[in-house]
C-alpha cells in the first residue's frame, strides 16, 4: 500500500452529479437511502405488533359485536359485521404502518 503522503492530490473540482451523490449519502435527515439500524427495525416491529394486537383484541371482543349490532344495516348480518371489522383493522394497519410507526 502507498503511504498517504505519496498519493497524488485531486486537483479537479467535483461535478454537480458527484456533489449530489455525496449530499444524498451523507444528509442528516432520516430519509436516507441506507437501511435502518437493526435496533430501530426491532422497535418498529414490536410497536406494530403491539398496536395491532390491541386493535385485534378490541375488534374480537363480544362487546364489539353488540356495538355493531346497534348500527342499523349491520344488525342481522354476521358477514357484514365481519366485513366492517376487517375494514377497520385494515385501515388501522395502514395508518399505523404509514404514518405512526
N, C-alpha and C. Protein backbone atom coordinates (compact mmCIF):
# COMPACT_ATOMS: atom_id res chain seq x y z
N UNK A 1 0.82 -1.19 0.00
CA UNK A 1 0.00 0.00 0.00
C UNK A 1 0.86 1.25 0.00
N UNK A 2 0.36 2.27 -0.65
CA UNK A 2 1.07 3.54 -0.70
C UNK A 2 0.78 4.36 0.55
N UNK A 3 1.80 5.01 1.10
CA UNK A 3 1.54 5.93 2.21
C UNK A 3 0.69 7.11 1.72
N UNK A 4 -0.07 7.67 2.59
CA UNK A 4 -0.96 8.76 2.21
C UNK A 4 -0.23 9.97 1.64
N UNK A 5 0.91 10.27 2.18
CA UNK A 5 1.62 11.46 1.70
C UNK A 5 2.22 11.27 0.31
N UNK A 6 2.27 10.04 -0.20
CA UNK A 6 2.78 9.81 -1.54
C UNK A 6 1.68 9.71 -2.61
N UNK A 7 0.43 9.70 -2.18
CA UNK A 7 -0.68 9.62 -3.13
C UNK A 7 -0.86 10.96 -3.84
N UNK A 8 -1.28 10.93 -5.12
CA UNK A 8 -1.48 12.19 -5.84
C UNK A 8 -2.72 12.92 -5.33
N UNK A 9 -2.67 14.23 -5.40
CA UNK A 9 -3.80 15.06 -4.98
C UNK A 9 -4.77 15.21 -6.15
N UNK A 10 -6.04 15.28 -5.84
CA UNK A 10 -7.05 15.51 -6.86
C UNK A 10 -7.22 17.01 -7.02
N UNK A 11 -6.82 17.53 -8.15
CA UNK A 11 -6.92 18.96 -8.40
C UNK A 11 -8.20 19.33 -9.15
N UNK A 12 -9.06 18.37 -9.40
CA UNK A 12 -10.29 18.65 -10.15
C UNK A 12 -11.40 19.05 -9.18
N UNK A 13 -12.32 19.82 -9.71
CA UNK A 13 -13.49 20.24 -8.93
C UNK A 13 -14.58 19.19 -9.12
N UNK A 14 -15.29 18.88 -8.05
CA UNK A 14 -16.35 17.88 -8.12
C UNK A 14 -17.48 18.38 -9.01
N UNK A 15 -18.01 17.48 -9.83
CA UNK A 15 -19.14 17.85 -10.69
C UNK A 15 -20.41 17.94 -9.85
N UNK A 16 -21.44 18.49 -10.44
CA UNK A 16 -22.70 18.63 -9.70
C UNK A 16 -23.30 17.26 -9.40
N UNK A 17 -23.10 16.30 -10.30
CA UNK A 17 -23.61 14.95 -10.06
C UNK A 17 -22.89 14.30 -8.88
N UNK A 18 -21.58 14.48 -8.79
CA UNK A 18 -20.82 13.93 -7.67
C UNK A 18 -21.23 14.61 -6.36
N UNK A 19 -21.44 15.91 -6.42
CA UNK A 19 -21.87 16.64 -5.22
C UNK A 19 -23.24 16.17 -4.76
N UNK A 20 -24.15 15.94 -5.70
CA UNK A 20 -25.48 15.45 -5.34
C UNK A 20 -25.42 14.07 -4.69
N UNK A 21 -24.56 13.21 -5.21
CA UNK A 21 -24.42 11.88 -4.63
C UNK A 21 -23.89 11.96 -3.21
N UNK A 22 -22.89 12.78 -2.98
CA UNK A 22 -22.33 12.94 -1.64
C UNK A 22 -23.37 13.52 -0.69
N UNK A 23 -24.13 14.50 -1.13
CA UNK A 23 -25.15 15.09 -0.27
C UNK A 23 -26.26 14.09 0.04
N UNK A 24 -26.62 13.28 -0.95
CA UNK A 24 -27.68 12.29 -0.74
C UNK A 24 -27.22 11.22 0.25
N UNK A 25 -25.96 10.82 0.17
CA UNK A 25 -25.46 9.77 1.04
C UNK A 25 -25.20 10.24 2.46
N UNK A 26 -24.84 11.49 2.63
CA UNK A 26 -24.44 11.97 3.95
C UNK A 26 -25.39 13.00 4.55
N UNK A 27 -26.61 13.07 4.07
CA UNK A 27 -27.55 14.04 4.65
C UNK A 27 -27.96 13.58 6.05
N UNK A 28 -28.41 14.52 6.85
CA UNK A 28 -28.69 14.25 8.26
C UNK A 28 -30.15 13.90 8.52
N UNK A 29 -31.00 13.96 7.53
CA UNK A 29 -32.40 13.64 7.74
C UNK A 29 -32.57 12.13 7.82
N UNK A 30 -33.74 11.69 8.27
CA UNK A 30 -33.99 10.27 8.45
C UNK A 30 -34.35 9.54 7.18
N UNK A 31 -34.51 10.22 6.07
CA UNK A 31 -34.96 9.56 4.86
C UNK A 31 -33.81 9.28 3.90
N UNK A 32 -32.74 8.71 4.40
CA UNK A 32 -31.60 8.39 3.54
C UNK A 32 -31.88 7.08 2.81
N UNK A 33 -31.01 6.76 1.87
CA UNK A 33 -31.17 5.54 1.09
C UNK A 33 -30.62 4.32 1.79
N UNK A 34 -29.97 4.50 2.92
CA UNK A 34 -29.42 3.39 3.65
C UNK A 34 -30.50 2.74 4.50
N UNK A 35 -30.42 1.43 4.73
CA UNK A 35 -31.42 0.77 5.57
C UNK A 35 -31.31 1.22 7.02
N UNK A 36 -32.42 1.06 7.73
CA UNK A 36 -32.43 1.46 9.14
C UNK A 36 -31.54 0.53 9.96
N UNK A 37 -31.16 1.01 11.13
CA UNK A 37 -30.37 0.18 12.03
C UNK A 37 -31.25 -0.96 12.55
N UNK A 38 -30.67 -2.11 12.85
CA UNK A 38 -31.47 -3.26 13.30
C UNK A 38 -32.25 -2.98 14.58
N UNK A 39 -31.70 -2.21 15.50
CA UNK A 39 -32.42 -1.91 16.74
C UNK A 39 -33.68 -1.11 16.45
N UNK A 40 -33.60 -0.19 15.51
CA UNK A 40 -34.77 0.62 15.13
C UNK A 40 -35.83 -0.26 14.47
N UNK A 41 -35.41 -1.20 13.63
CA UNK A 41 -36.36 -2.10 12.98
C UNK A 41 -37.06 -2.97 14.01
N UNK A 42 -36.31 -3.46 15.01
CA UNK A 42 -36.91 -4.28 16.05
C UNK A 42 -37.93 -3.48 16.85
N UNK A 43 -37.60 -2.23 17.15
CA UNK A 43 -38.52 -1.39 17.91
C UNK A 43 -39.78 -1.15 17.09
N UNK A 44 -39.65 -0.85 15.81
CA UNK A 44 -40.82 -0.64 14.97
C UNK A 44 -41.65 -1.91 14.85
N UNK A 45 -41.00 -3.05 14.71
CA UNK A 45 -41.73 -4.31 14.61
C UNK A 45 -42.48 -4.60 15.91
N UNK A 46 -41.86 -4.31 17.04
CA UNK A 46 -42.53 -4.52 18.32
C UNK A 46 -43.73 -3.61 18.46
N UNK A 47 -43.57 -2.32 18.14
CA UNK A 47 -44.68 -1.39 18.26
C UNK A 47 -45.82 -1.74 17.31
N UNK A 48 -45.50 -2.13 16.11
CA UNK A 48 -46.54 -2.52 15.16
C UNK A 48 -47.30 -3.73 15.68
N UNK A 49 -46.58 -4.73 16.15
CA UNK A 49 -47.22 -5.93 16.69
C UNK A 49 -48.07 -5.59 17.90
N UNK A 50 -47.57 -4.75 18.77
CA UNK A 50 -48.30 -4.37 19.98
C UNK A 50 -49.60 -3.66 19.64
N UNK A 51 -49.53 -2.64 18.78
CA UNK A 51 -50.74 -1.88 18.42
C UNK A 51 -51.75 -2.74 17.68
N UNK A 52 -51.29 -3.57 16.77
CA UNK A 52 -52.22 -4.41 16.01
C UNK A 52 -52.85 -5.48 16.89
N UNK A 53 -52.12 -5.96 17.89
CA UNK A 53 -52.70 -6.91 18.84
C UNK A 53 -53.81 -6.26 19.64
N UNK A 54 -53.60 -5.02 20.06
CA UNK A 54 -54.64 -4.30 20.80
C UNK A 54 -55.87 -4.08 19.93
N UNK A 55 -55.67 -3.66 18.69
CA UNK A 55 -56.81 -3.44 17.79
C UNK A 55 -57.55 -4.75 17.53
N UNK A 56 -56.81 -5.83 17.31
CA UNK A 56 -57.44 -7.13 17.09
C UNK A 56 -58.24 -7.56 18.31
N UNK A 57 -57.68 -7.40 19.51
CA UNK A 57 -58.39 -7.78 20.73
C UNK A 57 -59.66 -6.95 20.91
N UNK A 58 -59.60 -5.67 20.55
CA UNK A 58 -60.79 -4.83 20.66
C UNK A 58 -61.87 -5.28 19.69
N UNK A 59 -61.49 -5.60 18.47
CA UNK A 59 -62.49 -6.00 17.48
C UNK A 59 -62.99 -7.43 17.69
N UNK A 60 -62.19 -8.28 18.34
CA UNK A 60 -62.60 -9.66 18.57
C UNK A 60 -63.45 -9.83 19.82
N UNK A 61 -63.53 -8.83 20.65
CA UNK A 61 -64.33 -8.91 21.88
C UNK A 61 -65.82 -9.00 21.55
N UNK A 62 -66.57 -9.69 22.42
CA UNK A 62 -68.02 -9.78 22.19
C UNK A 62 -68.72 -8.41 22.27
N UNK A 63 -68.17 -7.49 23.05
CA UNK A 63 -68.84 -6.19 23.14
C UNK A 63 -68.76 -5.44 21.83
N UNK A 64 -67.76 -5.74 21.00
CA UNK A 64 -67.69 -5.11 19.68
C UNK A 64 -68.86 -5.58 18.82
N UNK A 65 -69.25 -6.85 18.97
CA UNK A 65 -70.41 -7.35 18.24
C UNK A 65 -71.68 -6.61 18.64
N UNK A 66 -71.82 -6.34 19.95
CA UNK A 66 -73.02 -5.62 20.38
C UNK A 66 -73.02 -4.18 19.85
N UNK A 67 -71.85 -3.59 19.74
CA UNK A 67 -71.77 -2.23 19.17
C UNK A 67 -72.17 -2.26 17.71
N UNK A 68 -71.68 -3.25 16.96
CA UNK A 68 -72.02 -3.34 15.54
C UNK A 68 -73.47 -3.74 15.31
N UNK A 69 -74.08 -4.46 16.26
CA UNK A 69 -75.49 -4.82 16.13
C UNK A 69 -76.39 -3.59 16.24
N UNK A 70 -75.92 -2.57 16.91
CA UNK A 70 -76.71 -1.34 17.05
C UNK A 70 -76.65 -0.46 15.82
N UNK A 71 -75.74 -0.74 14.90
CA UNK A 71 -75.68 0.01 13.65
C UNK A 71 -76.79 -0.53 12.76
N UNK A 72 -77.64 0.34 12.18
CA UNK A 72 -78.87 -0.10 11.52
C UNK A 72 -78.72 -1.21 10.47
N UNK A 73 -77.84 -1.13 9.51
CA UNK A 73 -77.81 -2.11 8.43
C UNK A 73 -76.93 -3.32 8.73
N UNK A 74 -76.24 -3.33 9.84
CA UNK A 74 -75.35 -4.44 10.16
C UNK A 74 -75.90 -5.33 11.26
N UNK A 75 -77.05 -5.03 11.80
CA UNK A 75 -77.58 -5.75 12.95
C UNK A 75 -77.79 -7.23 12.74
N UNK A 76 -78.35 -7.65 11.63
CA UNK A 76 -78.69 -9.05 11.47
C UNK A 76 -77.68 -9.87 10.69
N UNK A 77 -76.68 -9.26 10.15
CA UNK A 77 -75.76 -9.98 9.28
C UNK A 77 -74.38 -10.13 9.90
N UNK A 78 -74.01 -11.35 10.30
CA UNK A 78 -72.66 -11.55 10.84
C UNK A 78 -71.58 -11.34 9.78
N UNK A 79 -71.92 -11.59 8.53
CA UNK A 79 -70.95 -11.39 7.46
C UNK A 79 -70.64 -9.89 7.28
N UNK A 80 -71.66 -9.06 7.40
CA UNK A 80 -71.45 -7.61 7.30
C UNK A 80 -70.63 -7.12 8.49
N UNK A 81 -70.89 -7.66 9.68
CA UNK A 81 -70.09 -7.27 10.85
C UNK A 81 -68.63 -7.67 10.65
N UNK A 82 -68.41 -8.87 10.13
CA UNK A 82 -67.05 -9.33 9.86
C UNK A 82 -66.36 -8.43 8.85
N UNK A 83 -67.09 -8.04 7.80
CA UNK A 83 -66.51 -7.17 6.76
C UNK A 83 -66.15 -5.81 7.34
N UNK A 84 -66.99 -5.26 8.18
CA UNK A 84 -66.70 -3.95 8.79
C UNK A 84 -65.50 -4.07 9.71
N UNK A 85 -65.43 -5.13 10.50
CA UNK A 85 -64.27 -5.34 11.38
C UNK A 85 -62.99 -5.47 10.57
N UNK A 86 -63.06 -6.20 9.48
CA UNK A 86 -61.89 -6.38 8.64
C UNK A 86 -61.45 -5.05 8.03
N UNK A 87 -62.39 -4.24 7.57
CA UNK A 87 -62.05 -2.93 7.01
C UNK A 87 -61.46 -2.00 8.06
N UNK A 88 -62.00 -2.04 9.27
CA UNK A 88 -61.45 -1.22 10.35
C UNK A 88 -60.02 -1.66 10.65
N UNK A 89 -59.80 -2.97 10.75
CA UNK A 89 -58.45 -3.48 11.02
C UNK A 89 -57.49 -3.10 9.91
N UNK A 90 -57.94 -3.20 8.66
CA UNK A 90 -57.10 -2.82 7.52
C UNK A 90 -56.76 -1.34 7.56
N UNK A 91 -57.74 -0.50 7.85
CA UNK A 91 -57.49 0.95 7.90
C UNK A 91 -56.52 1.30 9.02
N UNK A 92 -56.71 0.70 10.19
CA UNK A 92 -55.81 0.98 11.32
C UNK A 92 -54.40 0.48 11.00
N UNK A 93 -54.29 -0.68 10.38
CA UNK A 93 -52.98 -1.21 9.99
C UNK A 93 -52.29 -0.27 9.02
N UNK A 94 -53.02 0.22 8.04
CA UNK A 94 -52.44 1.14 7.06
C UNK A 94 -51.97 2.43 7.72
N UNK A 95 -52.80 3.01 8.57
CA UNK A 95 -52.44 4.25 9.24
C UNK A 95 -51.23 4.06 10.14
N UNK A 96 -51.20 2.97 10.90
CA UNK A 96 -50.07 2.73 11.79
C UNK A 96 -48.76 2.54 11.03
N UNK A 97 -48.80 1.75 9.99
CA UNK A 97 -47.56 1.48 9.27
C UNK A 97 -47.12 2.64 8.39
N UNK A 98 -48.05 3.44 7.93
CA UNK A 98 -47.71 4.53 7.01
C UNK A 98 -47.28 5.80 7.76
N UNK A 99 -47.99 6.16 8.82
CA UNK A 99 -47.75 7.45 9.44
C UNK A 99 -47.32 7.40 10.91
N UNK A 100 -47.74 6.44 11.66
CA UNK A 100 -47.47 6.47 13.10
C UNK A 100 -46.14 5.83 13.43
N UNK A 101 -45.88 4.65 12.91
CA UNK A 101 -44.67 3.92 13.29
C UNK A 101 -43.63 4.04 12.20
